[in-house]
C-alpha atoms as a PDB file:
ATOM      1  CA  MET A   1     192.347 -97.059-257.958  1.00  0.00           C
ATOM      2  CA  PRO A   2     190.705 -97.549-254.741  1.00  0.00           C
ATOM      3  CA  GLY A   3     187.416 -95.519-254.220  1.00  0.00           C
ATOM      4  CA  ALA A   4     188.863 -93.905-251.169  1.00  0.00           C
ATOM      5  CA  VAL A   5     191.861 -92.655-253.013  1.00  0.00           C
ATOM      6  CA  ILE A   6     189.533 -91.154-255.371  1.00  0.00           C
ATOM      7  CA  ASP A   7     187.477 -89.710-253.016  1.00  0.00           C
ATOM      8  CA  GLU A   8     190.219 -88.098-251.331  1.00  0.00           C
ATOM      9  CA  TRP A   9     191.509 -86.443-254.504  1.00  0.00           C
ATOM     10  CA  GLN A  10     188.056 -85.129-255.375  1.00  0.00           C
ATOM     11  CA  ARG A  11     187.679 -83.447-251.641  1.00  0.00           C
ATOM     12  CA  THR A  12     191.220 -81.777-251.978  1.00  0.00           C
ATOM     13  CA  GLY A  13     191.388 -81.335-255.672  1.00  0.00           C
ATOM     14  CA  PRO A  14     188.143 -80.375-257.579  1.00  0.00           C
ATOM     15  CA  GLN A  15     185.859 -80.018-254.810  1.00  0.00           C
ATOM     16  CA  ALA A  16     188.312 -77.851-253.025  1.00  0.00           C
ATOM     17  CA  VAL A  17     189.003 -75.488-255.908  1.00  0.00           C
ATOM     18  CA  ARG A  18     185.178 -75.357-256.829  1.00  0.00           C
ATOM     19  CA  GLY A  19     184.411 -74.143-253.173  1.00  0.00           C
ATOM     20  CA  ASN A  20     187.317 -71.652-253.294  1.00  0.00           C
ATOM     21  CA  LEU A  21     186.160 -70.571-256.790  1.00  0.00           C
ATOM     22  CA  ALA A  22     182.487 -70.086-255.383  1.00  0.00           C
ATOM     23  CA  ARG A  23     183.651 -67.922-252.638  1.00  0.00           C
ATOM     24  CA  ARG A  24     185.656 -65.566-254.813  1.00  0.00           C
ATOM     25  CA  LEU A  25     182.495 -65.236-257.201  1.00  0.00           C
ATOM     26  CA  ARG A  26     180.332 -64.491-254.351  1.00  0.00           C
ATOM     27  CA  GLU A  27     182.784 -61.703-253.295  1.00  0.00           C
ATOM     28  CA  LEU A  28     182.756 -60.256-256.757  1.00  0.00           C
ATOM     29  CA  ALA A  29     178.762 -60.400-256.837  1.00  0.00           C
ATOM     30  CA  ASP A  30     178.596 -58.751-253.477  1.00  0.00           C
ATOM     31  CA  ALA A  31     180.961 -56.010-255.139  1.00  0.00           C
ATOM     32  CA  GLY A  32     178.556 -55.462-258.072  1.00  0.00           C
ATOM     33  CA  LEU A  33     180.843 -57.184-260.360  1.00  0.00           C
ATOM     34  CA  LEU A  34     178.737 -60.021-261.410  1.00  0.00           C
ATOM     35  CA  ASP A  35     175.215 -60.928-261.362  1.00  0.00           C
ATOM     36  CA  ILE A  36     175.022 -64.221-259.376  1.00  0.00           C
ATOM     37  CA  ALA A  37     171.787 -64.798-257.284  1.00  0.00           C
ATOM     38  CA  ALA A  38     172.437 -65.421-253.563  1.00  0.00           C
ATOM     39  CA  GLY A  39     172.999 -69.383-253.137  1.00  0.00           C
ATOM     40  CA  ALA A  40     173.870 -69.694-256.840  1.00  0.00           C
ATOM     41  CA  GLU A  41     177.725 -69.136-256.635  1.00  0.00           C
ATOM     42  CA  ALA A  42     178.403 -72.903-256.676  1.00  0.00           C
ATOM     43  CA  ALA A  43     176.320 -73.387-259.888  1.00  0.00           C
ATOM     44  CA  ALA A  44     178.341 -70.439-261.384  1.00  0.00           C
ATOM     45  CA  ALA A  45     181.772 -71.836-260.236  1.00  0.00           C
ATOM     46  CA  ARG A  46     180.858 -75.180-261.718  1.00  0.00           C
ATOM     47  CA  HIS A  47     179.615 -73.562-265.003  1.00  0.00           C
ATOM     48  CA  LEU A  48     183.171 -71.581-265.129  1.00  0.00           C
ATOM     49  CA  SER A  49     184.822 -74.541-264.583  1.00  0.00           C
ATOM     50  CA  LEU A  50     183.087 -76.645-267.401  1.00  0.00           C
ATOM     51  CA  LEU A  51     183.475 -73.892-269.553  1.00  0.00           C
ATOM     52  CA  VAL A  52     187.429 -73.373-269.067  1.00  0.00           C
ATOM     53  CA  GLY A  53     187.952 -76.950-268.216  1.00  0.00           C
ATOM     54  CA  GLY A  54     187.196 -77.681-271.880  1.00  0.00           C
ATOM     55  CA  VAL A  55     190.729 -77.490-272.854  1.00  0.00           C
ATOM     56  CA  THR A  56     191.690 -80.359-270.799  1.00  0.00           C
ATOM     57  CA  LEU A  57     188.805 -82.473-272.439  1.00  0.00           C
ATOM     58  CA  GLU A  58     190.070 -81.109-275.881  1.00  0.00           C
ATOM     59  CA  THR A  59     193.508 -82.323-275.494  1.00  0.00           C
ATOM     60  CA  TYR A  60     192.680 -85.510-273.535  1.00  0.00           C
ATOM     61  CA  PHE A  61     194.171 -84.427-270.392  1.00  0.00           C
ATOM     62  CA  GLY A  62     197.331 -82.976-272.032  1.00  0.00           C
ATOM     63  CA  ALA A  63     197.886 -86.110-274.523  1.00  0.00           C
ATOM     64  CA  LEU A  64     197.254 -84.066-277.633  1.00  0.00           C
ATOM     65  CA  PRO A  65     199.143 -80.720-278.127  1.00  0.00           C
ATOM     66  CA  MET A  66     197.141 -77.436-278.084  1.00  0.00           C
ATOM     67  CA  GLY A  67     199.076 -74.528-278.918  1.00  0.00           C
ATOM     68  CA  ALA A  68     199.025 -71.131-276.968  1.00  0.00           C
ATOM     69  CA  ASP A  69     196.951 -69.187-278.972  1.00  0.00           C
ATOM     70  CA  GLU A  70     194.459 -71.957-279.475  1.00  0.00           C
ATOM     71  CA  ALA A  71     194.102 -72.563-275.518  1.00  0.00           C
ATOM     72  CA  GLU A  72     193.878 -68.909-275.125  1.00  0.00           C
ATOM     73  CA  GLU A  73     191.046 -68.454-277.716  1.00  0.00           C
ATOM     74  CA  TYR A  74     189.408 -71.423-276.108  1.00  0.00           C
ATOM     75  CA  VAL A  75     189.556 -69.810-272.453  1.00  0.00           C
ATOM     76  CA  ARG A  76     188.613 -66.254-273.917  1.00  0.00           C
ATOM     77  CA  GLY A  77     185.403 -67.728-275.423  1.00  0.00           C
ATOM     78  CA  ALA A  78     184.645 -69.566-272.202  1.00  0.00           C
ATOM     79  CA  VAL A  79     185.067 -66.443-270.032  1.00  0.00           C
ATOM     80  CA  TRP A  80     182.828 -64.552-272.624  1.00  0.00           C
ATOM     81  CA  ALA A  81     180.053 -67.104-272.250  1.00  0.00           C
ATOM     82  CA  PHE A  82     180.374 -66.917-268.568  1.00  0.00           C
ATOM     83  CA  LEU A  83     180.239 -62.969-268.503  1.00  0.00           C
ATOM     84  CA  LYS A  84     177.420 -63.267-270.842  1.00  0.00           C
ATOM     85  CA  LEU A  85     175.522 -65.237-268.144  1.00  0.00           C
ATOM     86  CA  TYR A  86     176.693 -63.802-264.981  1.00  0.00           C
ATOM     87  CA  GLY A  87     178.117 -60.414-265.986  1.00  0.00           C
ATOM     88  CA  MET A  88     176.176 -57.169-265.181  1.00  0.00           C
ATOM     89  CA  ARG A  89     173.875 -55.425-267.321  1.00  0.00           C
ATOM     90  CA  GLY A  90     174.458 -51.964-268.251  1.00  0.00           C
ATOM     91  CA  GLY A  91     178.052 -51.120-268.506  1.00  0.00           C
ATOM     92  CA  GLY A  92     179.241 -53.766-265.926  1.00  0.00           C
ATOM     93  CA  ALA A  93     181.400 -56.542-266.201  1.00  0.00           C
ATOM     94  CA  GLY A  94     179.729 -58.281-268.977  1.00  0.00           C
ATOM     95  CA  GLU A  95     179.471 -55.287-271.337  1.00  0.00           C
END
């Protein structure tokens, strides 16, 4: 595949999603629902994408079947890990 095609796919796909996710995480942090330091929202978005994106890797991009229950368990575990790191302490989102 030509490099320009891959670059465009990255720009309009994964990078756009991570950018939108970072903005939303910043909104949630500003609302007091997540504990993300200013300027760290892009790293938090990458972290969440890596955790949840594990389903894609486990199934080799959908080539291997994964049942709905297994996928849900995987994503729940990923969200739990994310909230342990970025959730508010003392009764907030991470408790």
